Amino acid sequence: MTHAPAEALHDLAHRLLSPDDAARWIALLRPGLRLAHAGDGAAVGRLGGLPDLPLDMPWPHWEGHGPLSHLMSLDCAALAAAGDSGLTLPASGTLLFFLFDGRLDDDDCMVYPSDPETRPGSRVLHVPADTPTRRHPAPAGLDPYPEVALTGQPGLSVPTSDAPNVRAAFGEVGNSLAWRRHPVNARPLDSALRALDTHPSRSGHRLGGHPVPVQEPVEWEIARGVLGPDAAGQDSRLDDEAAAWVLLAQIDTDGAAEMMWGDAGTVYWLIRPDDLAAGRFEEAVFTWQCC
């Protein structure tokens, strides 16, 4: 969904929505960073390449399956300089994202939040800035993704209209057929948001803000994984649990990095704010969606 400057989004809301609806909608906007190809911009990290790991740390591995692929590394100090991510991140050091991405076993075993046994197939690490590191060579048989430098573009992210927090903010209207015809879902607002967005046709790589789903709200997938298979349909616990998670990062399909998630999908890591503030990145939960 749209990622744009605050002033432009506020003006749009007051122009197209009633004062009450505009206030509710604006309150849902979250700061975040779009992670775009850097070009000549200041780099905050990179997709792919080889990771810089502590000297005594082995390459992340999923026992019984194989090594995880390095998807992204982000410089925490550079992220802070780029703008407000909306996240309580370490002031320095490097965040590294790893995933068992199916290339070694022809997608025989995938990582899903609904299956706790697959959780070791995803890893988020924080390496402190004063930790001696080395550029770790890739394990045998695992080709690293091409390296693509990323820059951080600050802005406010807009939630999708079916996001749990949006429906909660608009009360009963958000849970009725009338919601489809509500001004928040109407064509004028949707068209104006797309016009503001520099990349309206893609989810994009992001740090913080709202997740951009390919299918249903990403938060619901995480909530079902926590609550178990009995939580489905209109179970009110889903929205309550979904509200307890925030987007840490999402990585879109990217041709330059040769990353393809299913049929042009996106991968996501969500985390509870308390775990994020405490630096417990091992508590981040992975999910993915594709067309």
C-alpha atoms as a PDB file:
ATOM      1  CA  MET A   1       0.000   0.000   0.000  1.00  0.00           C
ATOM      2  CA  THR A   2       0.994   3.645  -0.304  1.00  0.00           C
ATOM      3  CA  HIS A   3       4.186   5.007   1.266  1.00  0.00           C
ATOM      4  CA  ALA A   4       4.222   8.811   1.109  1.00  0.00           C
ATOM      5  CA  PRO A   5       5.065  12.051   2.976  1.00  0.00           C
ATOM      6  CA  ALA A   6       2.914  12.877   6.006  1.00  0.00           C
ATOM      7  CA  GLU A   7       1.712  16.261   4.751  1.00  0.00           C
ATOM      8  CA  ALA A   8       0.450  14.826   1.460  1.00  0.00           C
ATOM      9  CA  LEU A   9      -1.467  12.039   3.209  1.00  0.00           C
ATOM     10  CA  HIS A  10      -3.007  14.391   5.760  1.00  0.00           C
ATOM     11  CA  ASP A  11      -4.146  16.789   3.031  1.00  0.00           C
ATOM     12  CA  LEU A  12      -5.638  13.932   1.036  1.00  0.00           C
ATOM     13  CA  ALA A  13      -7.567  12.587   4.045  1.00  0.00           C
ATOM     14  CA  HIS A  14      -9.076  15.963   4.925  1.00  0.00           C
ATOM     15  CA  ARG A  15     -10.044  16.535   1.296  1.00  0.00           C
ATOM     16  CA  LEU A  16     -11.746  13.177   0.658  1.00  0.00           C
ATOM     17  CA  LEU A  17     -13.029  12.046   4.062  1.00  0.00           C
ATOM     18  CA  SER A  18     -15.295  13.502   6.714  1.00  0.00           C
ATOM     19  CA  PRO A  19     -13.482  15.140   9.655  1.00  0.00           C
ATOM     20  CA  ASP A  20     -14.207  12.133  11.893  1.00  0.00           C
ATOM     21  CA  ASP A  21     -13.148   9.550   9.302  1.00  0.00           C
ATOM     22  CA  ALA A  22     -10.059  11.578   8.402  1.00  0.00           C
ATOM     23  CA  ALA A  23      -8.953  11.690  12.040  1.00  0.00           C
ATOM     24  CA  ARG A  24      -9.409   7.920  12.446  1.00  0.00           C
ATOM     25  CA  TRP A  25      -7.598   7.165   9.197  1.00  0.00           C
ATOM     26  CA  ILE A  26      -4.669   9.495   9.908  1.00  0.00           C
ATOM     27  CA  ALA A  27      -4.224   7.901  13.345  1.00  0.00           C
ATOM     28  CA  LEU A  28      -3.600   4.559  11.600  1.00  0.00           C
ATOM     29  CA  LEU A  29      -0.669   5.799   9.492  1.00  0.00           C
ATOM     30  CA  ARG A  30       2.726   4.456  10.568  1.00  0.00           C
ATOM     31  CA  PRO A  31       6.222   5.728   9.844  1.00  0.00           C
ATOM     32  CA  GLY A  32       8.499   3.366   7.982  1.00  0.00           C
ATOM     33  CA  LEU A  33      11.339   3.158   5.491  1.00  0.00           C
ATOM     34  CA  ARG A  34      10.956   2.006   1.925  1.00  0.00           C
ATOM     35  CA  LEU A  35      14.141   0.125   1.037  1.00  0.00           C
ATOM     36  CA  ALA A  36      14.807   1.002  -2.594  1.00  0.00           C
ATOM     37  CA  HIS A  37      17.742   0.205  -4.878  1.00  0.00           C
ATOM     38  CA  ALA A  38      20.374   2.716  -3.800  1.00  0.00           C
ATOM     39  CA  GLY A  39      21.783   3.872  -7.120  1.00  0.00           C
ATOM     40  CA  ASP A  40      23.605   7.084  -6.157  1.00  0.00           C
ATOM     41  CA  GLY A  41      21.757   7.333  -2.831  1.00  0.00           C
ATOM     42  CA  ALA A  42      23.212   6.694   0.602  1.00  0.00           C
ATOM     43  CA  ALA A  43      23.204   2.959   1.303  1.00  0.00           C
ATOM     44  CA  VAL A  44      21.596   1.598   4.473  1.00  0.00           C
ATOM     45  CA  GLY A  45      22.234  -2.041   3.621  1.00  0.00           C
ATOM     46  CA  ARG A  46      22.009  -4.604   0.866  1.00  0.00           C
ATOM     47  CA  LEU A  47      20.110  -7.524  -0.488  1.00  0.00           C
ATOM     48  CA  GLY A  48      22.053 -10.710  -1.027  1.00  0.00           C
ATOM     49  CA  GLY A  49      25.796 -11.111  -1.124  1.00  0.00           C
ATOM     50  CA  LEU A  50      27.741 -12.774   1.656  1.00  0.00           C
ATOM     51  CA  PRO A  51      27.020 -11.909   5.303  1.00  0.00           C
ATOM     52  CA  ASP A  52      29.458 -10.377   7.772  1.00  0.00           C
ATOM     53  CA  LEU A  53      29.254 -12.763  10.731  1.00  0.00           C
ATOM     54  CA  PRO A  54      31.102 -12.845  14.075  1.00  0.00           C
ATOM     55  CA  LEU A  55      34.384 -14.716  13.851  1.00  0.00           C
ATOM     56  CA  ASP A  56      33.104 -17.585  15.996  1.00  0.00           C
ATOM     57  CA  MET A  57      29.619 -17.819  14.460  1.00  0.00           C
ATOM     58  CA  PRO A  58      28.886 -20.580  11.938  1.00  0.00           C
ATOM     59  CA  TRP A  59      26.638 -19.948   8.963  1.00  0.00           C
ATOM     60  CA  PRO A  60      22.977 -20.258  10.109  1.00  0.00           C
ATOM     61  CA  HIS A  61      21.732 -23.782   9.512  1.00  0.00           C
ATOM     62  CA  TRP A  62      18.441 -25.633   9.865  1.00  0.00           C
ATOM     63  CA  GLU A  63      19.213 -29.028  11.337  1.00  0.00           C
ATOM     64  CA  GLY A  64      18.117 -31.838   9.061  1.00  0.00           C
ATOM     65  CA  HIS A  65      17.560 -29.501   6.118  1.00  0.00           C
ATOM     66  CA  GLY A  66      20.600 -27.370   5.365  1.00  0.00           C
ATOM     67  CA  PRO A  67      22.048 -23.850   5.381  1.00  0.00           C
ATOM     68  CA  LEU A  68      19.846 -20.772   5.266  1.00  0.00           C
ATOM     69  CA  SER A  69      20.239 -18.194   2.498  1.00  0.00           C
ATOM     70  CA  HIS A  70      21.360 -14.689   3.371  1.00  0.00           C
ATOM     71  CA  LEU A  71      18.629 -12.350   2.101  1.00  0.00           C
ATOM     72  CA  MET A  72      19.473  -8.945   3.548  1.00  0.00           C
ATOM     73  CA  SER A  73      21.854  -7.019   5.817  1.00  0.00           C
ATOM     74  CA  LEU A  74      20.988  -3.573   7.233  1.00  0.00           C
ATOM     75  CA  ASP A  75      23.232  -1.061   9.011  1.00  0.00           C
ATOM     76  CA  CYS A  76      21.313   0.172  12.074  1.00  0.00           C
ATOM     77  CA  ALA A  77      23.189   3.484  12.294  1.00  0.00           C
ATOM     78  CA  ALA A  78      22.563   4.184   8.610  1.00  0.00           C
ATOM     79  CA  LEU A  79      18.883   3.326   9.049  1.00  0.00           C
ATOM     80  CA  ALA A  80      18.566   5.862  11.863  1.00  0.00           C
ATOM     81  CA  ALA A  81      20.227   8.516   9.701  1.00  0.00           C
ATOM     82  CA  ALA A  82      17.847   7.768   6.827  1.00  0.00           C
ATOM     83  CA  GLY A  83      14.725   8.623   8.820  1.00  0.00           C
ATOM     84  CA  ASP A  84      12.044   7.301  11.151  1.00  0.00           C
ATOM     85  CA  SER A  85      11.362   3.589  10.713  1.00  0.00           C
ATOM     86  CA  GLY A  86       8.792   3.592  13.504  1.00  0.00           C
ATOM     87  CA  LEU A  87      10.752   0.780  15.157  1.00  0.00           C
ATOM     88  CA  THR A  88      12.807   0.647  18.351  1.00  0.00           C
ATOM     89  CA  LEU A  89      15.992  -0.618  16.726  1.00  0.00           C
ATOM     90  CA  PRO A  90      19.526  -0.838  18.108  1.00  0.00           C
ATOM     91  CA  ALA A  91      21.430   2.398  17.496  1.00  0.00           C
ATOM     92  CA  SER A  92      24.292   0.571  15.820  1.00  0.00           C
ATOM     93  CA  GLY A  93      25.348  -2.809  14.525  1.00  0.00           C
ATOM     94  CA  THR A  94      23.923  -4.887  11.700  1.00  0.00           C
ATOM     95  CA  LEU A  95      20.629  -6.709  11.242  1.00  0.00           C
ATOM     96  CA  LEU A  96      20.879  -9.846   9.110  1.00  0.00           C
ATOM     97  CA  PHE A  97      17.964 -11.804   7.651  1.00  0.00           C
ATOM     98  CA  PHE A  98      18.286 -15.478   6.711  1.00  0.00           C
ATOM     99  CA  LEU A  99      15.799 -17.953   5.249  1.00  0.00           C
ATOM    100  CA  PHE A 100      15.723 -21.557   4.131  1.00  0.00           C
ATOM    101  CA  ASP A 101      14.272 -20.550   0.788  1.00  0.00           C
ATOM    102  CA  GLY A 102      13.689 -23.901  -0.902  1.00  0.00           C
ATOM    103  CA  ARG A 103      16.520 -23.698  -3.409  1.00  0.00           C
ATOM    104  CA  LEU A 104      18.354 -26.649  -1.871  1.00  0.00           C
ATOM    105  CA  ASP A 105      15.405 -29.043  -1.701  1.00  0.00           C
ATOM    106  CA  ASP A 106      13.168 -27.888  -4.586  1.00  0.00           C
ATOM    107  CA  ASP A 107      10.713 -26.326  -2.119  1.00  0.00           C
ATOM    108  CA  ASP A 108      10.142 -29.656  -0.379  1.00  0.00           C
ATOM    109  CA  CYS A 109      10.051 -28.011   3.061  1.00  0.00           C
ATOM    110  CA  MET A 110       8.863 -24.427   3.488  1.00  0.00           C
ATOM    111  CA  VAL A 111       8.743 -22.157   6.539  1.00  0.00           C
ATOM    112  CA  TYR A 112       5.243 -21.334   7.804  1.00  0.00           C
ATOM    113  CA  PRO A 113       4.062 -19.609  11.005  1.00  0.00           C
ATOM    114  CA  SER A 114       1.404 -22.323  11.367  1.00  0.00           C
ATOM    115  CA  ASP A 115       4.096 -25.008  11.725  1.00  0.00           C
ATOM    116  CA  PRO A 116       6.373 -24.338  14.725  1.00  0.00           C
ATOM    117  CA  GLU A 117       8.743 -27.102  13.625  1.00  0.00           C
ATOM    118  CA  THR A 118       9.729 -25.023  10.589  1.00  0.00           C
ATOM    119  CA  ARG A 119      10.651 -21.945  12.615  1.00  0.00           C
ATOM    120  CA  PRO A 120      14.406 -22.756  12.615  1.00  0.00           C
ATOM    121  CA  GLY A 121      14.255 -22.206   8.842  1.00  0.00           C
ATOM    122  CA  SER A 122      14.184 -18.452   9.418  1.00  0.00           C
ATOM    123  CA  ARG A 123      16.629 -16.320  11.376  1.00  0.00           C
ATOM    124  CA  VAL A 124      17.078 -12.634  12.225  1.00  0.00           C
ATOM    125  CA  LEU A 125      20.388 -11.706  13.843  1.00  0.00           C
ATOM    126  CA  HIS A 126      21.755  -8.498  15.328  1.00  0.00           C
ATOM    127  CA  VAL A 127      25.539  -8.223  15.325  1.00  0.00           C
ATOM    128  CA  PRO A 128      26.779  -5.392  17.602  1.00  0.00           C
ATOM    129  CA  ALA A 129      29.015  -2.798  15.973  1.00  0.00           C
ATOM    130  CA  ASP A 130      32.041  -3.627  18.157  1.00  0.00           C
ATOM    131  CA  THR A 131      31.945  -7.346  17.299  1.00  0.00           C
ATOM    132  CA  PRO A 132      34.835  -8.552  15.095  1.00  0.00           C
ATOM    133  CA  THR A 133      33.355 -10.057  11.933  1.00  0.00           C
ATOM    134  CA  ARG A 134      34.411 -11.637   8.687  1.00  0.00           C
ATOM    135  CA  ARG A 135      32.767 -11.922   5.291  1.00  0.00           C
ATOM    136  CA  HIS A 136      31.651 -15.540   5.635  1.00  0.00           C
ATOM    137  CA  PRO A 137      31.997 -17.754   2.549  1.00  0.00           C
ATOM    138  CA  ALA A 138      28.849 -19.540   1.428  1.00  0.00           C
ATOM    139  CA  PRO A 139      28.418 -23.211   2.347  1.00  0.00           C
ATOM    140  CA  ALA A 140      29.033 -25.722  -0.405  1.00  0.00           C
ATOM    141  CA  GLY A 141      26.123 -25.947  -2.820  1.00  0.00           C
ATOM    142  CA  LEU A 142      24.491 -22.677  -1.743  1.00  0.00           C
ATOM    143  CA  ASP A 143      24.859 -19.843  -4.231  1.00  0.00           C
ATOM    144  CA  PRO A 144      24.567 -16.377  -2.678  1.00  0.00           C
ATOM    145  CA  TYR A 145      22.040 -13.994  -4.162  1.00  0.00           C
ATOM    146  CA  PRO A 146      23.498 -11.119  -6.206  1.00  0.00           C
ATOM    147  CA  GLU A 147      24.288  -8.121  -4.023  1.00  0.00           C
ATOM    148  CA  VAL A 148      22.050  -5.057  -4.437  1.00  0.00           C
ATOM    149  CA  ALA A 149      22.657  -1.918  -2.365  1.00  0.00           C
ATOM    150  CA  LEU A 150      19.605  -0.408  -0.655  1.00  0.00           C
ATOM    151  CA  THR A 151      18.772   3.130   0.405  1.00  0.00           C
ATOM    152  CA  GLY A 152      16.155   4.161   2.961  1.00  0.00           C
ATOM    153  CA  GLN A 153      13.263   6.440   1.985  1.00  0.00           C
ATOM    154  CA  PRO A 154      11.235   7.700   4.981  1.00  0.00           C
ATOM    155  CA  GLY A 155       7.504   8.269   4.862  1.00  0.00           C
ATOM    156  CA  LEU A 156       4.183   7.180   6.302  1.00  0.00           C
ATOM    157  CA  SER A 157       2.714   3.837   5.300  1.00  0.00           C
ATOM    158  CA  VAL A 158      -0.993   3.307   4.732  1.00  0.00           C
ATOM    159  CA  PRO A 159      -2.690   0.106   5.954  1.00  0.00           C
ATOM    160  CA  THR A 160      -4.861  -1.902   3.594  1.00  0.00           C
ATOM    161  CA  SER A 161      -8.596  -1.491   4.153  1.00  0.00           C
ATOM    162  CA  ASP A 162      -8.991  -5.053   5.454  1.00  0.00           C
ATOM    163  CA  ALA A 163      -6.171  -4.760   8.002  1.00  0.00           C
ATOM    164  CA  PRO A 164      -7.404  -5.693  11.497  1.00  0.00           C
ATOM    165  CA  ASN A 165      -6.519  -2.320  13.011  1.00  0.00           C
ATOM    166  CA  VAL A 166      -8.415  -0.460  10.273  1.00  0.00           C
ATOM    167  CA  ARG A 167     -11.599  -2.439  10.828  1.00  0.00           C
ATOM    168  CA  ALA A 168     -11.228  -1.998  14.587  1.00  0.00           C
ATOM    169  CA  ALA A 169     -10.786   1.762  14.235  1.00  0.00           C
ATOM    170  CA  PHE A 170     -14.005   2.094  12.263  1.00  0.00           C
ATOM    171  CA  GLY A 171     -16.011  -0.106  14.632  1.00  0.00           C
ATOM    172  CA  GLU A 172     -19.114  -1.897  13.424  1.00  0.00           C
ATOM    173  CA  VAL A 173     -18.867  -0.307   9.977  1.00  0.00           C
ATOM    174  CA  GLY A 174     -15.576  -2.113   9.488  1.00  0.00           C
ATOM    175  CA  ASN A 175     -17.271  -5.474  10.002  1.00  0.00           C
ATOM    176  CA  SER A 176     -20.252  -5.046   7.687  1.00  0.00           C
ATOM    177  CA  LEU A 177     -21.127  -5.124   4.005  1.00  0.00           C
ATOM    178  CA  ALA A 178     -21.381  -1.337   4.150  1.00  0.00           C
ATOM    179  CA  TRP A 179     -17.610  -1.277   4.667  1.00  0.00           C
ATOM    180  CA  ARG A 180     -17.098  -2.011   0.977  1.00  0.00           C
ATOM    181  CA  ARG A 181     -18.846   1.251   0.096  1.00  0.00           C
ATOM    182  CA  HIS A 182     -17.299   3.313   2.868  1.00  0.00           C
ATOM    183  CA  PRO A 183     -15.280   6.381   1.706  1.00  0.00           C
ATOM    184  CA  VAL A 184     -12.100   4.783   3.089  1.00  0.00           C
ATOM    185  CA  ASN A 185     -12.539   2.038   0.472  1.00  0.00           C
ATOM    186  CA  ALA A 186     -13.925   4.231  -2.314  1.00  0.00           C
ATOM    187  CA  ARG A 187     -12.228   4.819  -5.653  1.00  0.00           C
ATOM    188  CA  PRO A 188     -11.397   8.522  -5.065  1.00  0.00           C
ATOM    189  CA  LEU A 189      -9.206   7.736  -2.055  1.00  0.00           C
ATOM    190  CA  ASP A 190      -7.682   4.654  -3.666  1.00  0.00           C
ATOM    191  CA  SER A 191      -6.816   6.548  -6.862  1.00  0.00           C
ATOM    192  CA  ALA A 192      -5.339   9.457  -4.931  1.00  0.00           C
ATOM    193  CA  LEU A 193      -3.191   7.114  -2.848  1.00  0.00           C
ATOM    194  CA  ARG A 194      -1.872   5.366  -5.934  1.00  0.00           C
ATOM    195  CA  ALA A 195      -0.999   8.719  -7.470  1.00  0.00           C
ATOM    196  CA  LEU A 196       1.072   9.574  -4.388  1.00  0.00           C
ATOM    197  CA  ASP A 197       2.984   6.290  -4.416  1.00  0.00           C
ATOM    198  CA  THR A 198       6.170   6.067  -6.458  1.00  0.00           C
ATOM    199  CA  HIS A 199       5.849   2.260  -6.765  1.00  0.00           C
ATOM    200  CA  PRO A 200       2.089   1.541  -6.667  1.00  0.00           C
ATOM    201  CA  SER A 201       2.273  -1.807  -8.466  1.00  0.00           C
ATOM    202  CA  ARG A 202       4.744  -3.521  -6.125  1.00  0.00           C
ATOM    203  CA  SER A 203       4.838  -4.317  -2.428  1.00  0.00           C
ATOM    204  CA  GLY A 204       8.473  -3.217  -2.239  1.00  0.00           C
ATOM    205  CA  HIS A 205      11.140  -3.830   0.363  1.00  0.00           C
ATOM    206  CA  ARG A 206      10.296  -2.165   3.670  1.00  0.00           C
ATOM    207  CA  LEU A 207      11.455  -1.714   7.219  1.00  0.00           C
ATOM    208  CA  GLY A 208       8.697  -0.897   9.685  1.00  0.00           C
ATOM    209  CA  GLY A 209       5.364   0.631   8.777  1.00  0.00           C
ATOM    210  CA  HIS A 210       2.442  -1.531   7.703  1.00  0.00           C
ATOM    211  CA  PRO A 211       3.006  -4.833   5.887  1.00  0.00           C
ATOM    212  CA  VAL A 212       1.824  -4.866   2.289  1.00  0.00           C
ATOM    213  CA  PRO A 213      -0.043  -8.167   1.825  1.00  0.00           C
ATOM    214  CA  VAL A 214      -0.260 -10.078  -1.412  1.00  0.00           C
ATOM    215  CA  GLN A 215      -3.318 -11.929  -0.111  1.00  0.00           C
ATOM    216  CA  GLU A 216      -5.013 -11.539   3.292  1.00  0.00           C
ATOM    217  CA  PRO A 217      -3.632  -9.423   6.156  1.00  0.00           C
ATOM    218  CA  VAL A 218      -0.189 -10.698   7.070  1.00  0.00           C
ATOM    219  CA  GLU A 219      -0.911 -10.186  10.770  1.00  0.00           C
ATOM    220  CA  TRP A 220      -3.669 -12.811  10.616  1.00  0.00           C
ATOM    221  CA  GLU A 221      -1.207 -15.459   9.442  1.00  0.00           C
ATOM    222  CA  ILE A 222       1.042 -14.716  12.401  1.00  0.00           C
ATOM    223  CA  ALA A 223      -1.937 -14.703  14.785  1.00  0.00           C
ATOM    224  CA  ARG A 224      -3.138 -18.112  13.548  1.00  0.00           C
ATOM    225  CA  GLY A 225       0.331 -19.501  14.084  1.00  0.00           C
ATOM    226  CA  VAL A 226       0.257 -18.300  17.696  1.00  0.00           C
ATOM    227  CA  LEU A 227      -3.339 -19.285  18.485  1.00  0.00           C
ATOM    228  CA  GLY A 228      -3.401 -22.608  16.654  1.00  0.00           C
ATOM    229  CA  PRO A 229      -5.708 -24.171  14.056  1.00  0.00           C
ATOM    230  CA  ASP A 230      -8.878 -23.553  16.086  1.00  0.00           C
ATOM    231  CA  ALA A 231      -8.610 -19.797  15.447  1.00  0.00           C
ATOM    232  CA  ALA A 232     -10.286 -19.156  12.109  1.00  0.00           C
ATOM    233  CA  GLY A 233     -13.022 -17.219  10.393  1.00  0.00           C
ATOM    234  CA  GLN A 234     -14.543 -14.474  12.537  1.00  0.00           C
ATOM    235  CA  ASP A 235     -12.779 -15.529  15.743  1.00  0.00           C
ATOM    236  CA  SER A 236     -12.301 -12.259  17.650  1.00  0.00           C
ATOM    237  CA  ARG A 237      -9.030 -13.550  19.071  1.00  0.00           C
ATOM    238  CA  LEU A 238      -7.437 -13.226  15.639  1.00  0.00           C
ATOM    239  CA  ASP A 239      -7.693  -9.444  15.560  1.00  0.00           C
ATOM    240  CA  ASP A 240      -6.571  -9.160  19.183  1.00  0.00           C
ATOM    241  CA  GLU A 241      -3.476 -11.269  18.558  1.00  0.00           C
ATOM    242  CA  ALA A 242      -2.783  -9.593  15.214  1.00  0.00           C
ATOM    243  CA  ALA A 243      -2.687  -6.212  16.949  1.00  0.00           C
ATOM    244  CA  ALA A 244       0.188  -7.454  19.126  1.00  0.00           C
ATOM    245  CA  TRP A 245       2.606  -7.661  16.173  1.00  0.00           C
ATOM    246  CA  VAL A 246       4.401  -5.087  14.027  1.00  0.00           C
ATOM    247  CA  LEU A 247       6.245  -5.418  10.750  1.00  0.00           C
ATOM    248  CA  LEU A 248       9.991  -5.680  11.180  1.00  0.00           C
ATOM    249  CA  ALA A 249      10.846  -6.089   7.493  1.00  0.00           C
ATOM    250  CA  GLN A 250       9.479  -7.328   4.203  1.00  0.00           C
ATOM    251  CA  ILE A 251      11.419  -8.330   1.092  1.00  0.00           C
ATOM    252  CA  ASP A 252       9.639  -8.282  -2.222  1.00  0.00           C
ATOM    253  CA  THR A 253      10.392 -10.297  -5.335  1.00  0.00           C
ATOM    254  CA  ASP A 254      13.412  -8.557  -6.902  1.00  0.00           C
ATOM    255  CA  GLY A 255      14.819  -9.278 -10.348  1.00  0.00           C
ATOM    256  CA  ALA A 256      18.156  -7.540  -9.754  1.00  0.00           C
ATOM    257  CA  ALA A 257      18.781  -9.697  -6.680  1.00  0.00           C
ATOM    258  CA  GLU A 258      17.334 -12.776  -8.441  1.00  0.00           C
ATOM    259  CA  MET A 259      14.874 -13.237  -5.587  1.00  0.00           C
ATOM    260  CA  MET A 260      11.517 -14.773  -6.490  1.00  0.00           C
ATOM    261  CA  TRP A 261       9.100 -15.808  -3.750  1.00  0.00           C
ATOM    262  CA  GLY A 262       6.652 -18.242  -5.322  1.00  0.00           C
ATOM    263  CA  ASP A 263       4.718 -16.402  -8.021  1.00  0.00           C
ATOM    264  CA  ALA A 264       6.040 -12.842  -7.528  1.00  0.00           C
ATOM    265  CA  GLY A 265       5.422 -12.912  -3.785  1.00  0.00           C
ATOM    266  CA  THR A 266       6.806 -11.210  -0.684  1.00  0.00           C
ATOM    267  CA  VAL A 267       8.436 -12.489   2.506  1.00  0.00           C
ATOM    268  CA  TYR A 268       7.813 -10.888   5.908  1.00  0.00           C
ATOM    269  CA  TRP A 269       9.144 -10.847   9.459  1.00  0.00           C
ATOM    270  CA  LEU A 270       6.873  -9.581  12.247  1.00  0.00           C
ATOM    271  CA  ILE A 271       7.780  -9.086  15.890  1.00  0.00           C
ATOM    272  CA  ARG A 272       6.140  -8.023  19.153  1.00  0.00           C
ATOM    273  CA  PRO A 273       7.148  -4.470  20.190  1.00  0.00           C
ATOM    274  CA  ASP A 274       8.411  -5.642  23.613  1.00  0.00           C
ATOM    275  CA  ASP A 275      10.684  -8.223  21.993  1.00  0.00           C
ATOM    276  CA  LEU A 276      11.919  -5.626  19.519  1.00  0.00           C
ATOM    277  CA  ALA A 277      12.728  -3.102  22.245  1.00  0.00           C
ATOM    278  CA  ALA A 278      14.630  -5.784  24.171  1.00  0.00           C
ATOM    279  CA  GLY A 279      16.605  -6.842  21.093  1.00  0.00           C
ATOM    280  CA  ARG A 280      15.089 -10.334  21.089  1.00  0.00           C
ATOM    281  CA  PHE A 281      15.243 -10.731  17.317  1.00  0.00           C
ATOM    282  CA  GLU A 282      15.071 -14.501  17.690  1.00  0.00           C
ATOM    283  CA  GLU A 283      11.386 -13.934  18.515  1.00  0.00           C
ATOM    284  CA  ALA A 284      10.636 -12.486  15.066  1.00  0.00           C
ATOM    285  CA  VAL A 285       8.220 -14.711  13.136  1.00  0.00           C
ATOM    286  CA  PHE A 286       8.412 -15.307   9.402  1.00  0.00           C
ATOM    287  CA  THR A 287       5.670 -15.718   6.839  1.00  0.00           C
ATOM    288  CA  TRP A 288       5.314 -15.285   3.106  1.00  0.00           C
ATOM    289  CA  GLN A 289       2.610 -14.763   0.500  1.00  0.00           C
ATOM    290  CA  CYS A 290       2.457 -15.025  -3.273  1.00  0.00           C
ATOM    291  CA  CYS A 291      -0.085 -14.504  -6.036  1.00  0.00           C
END
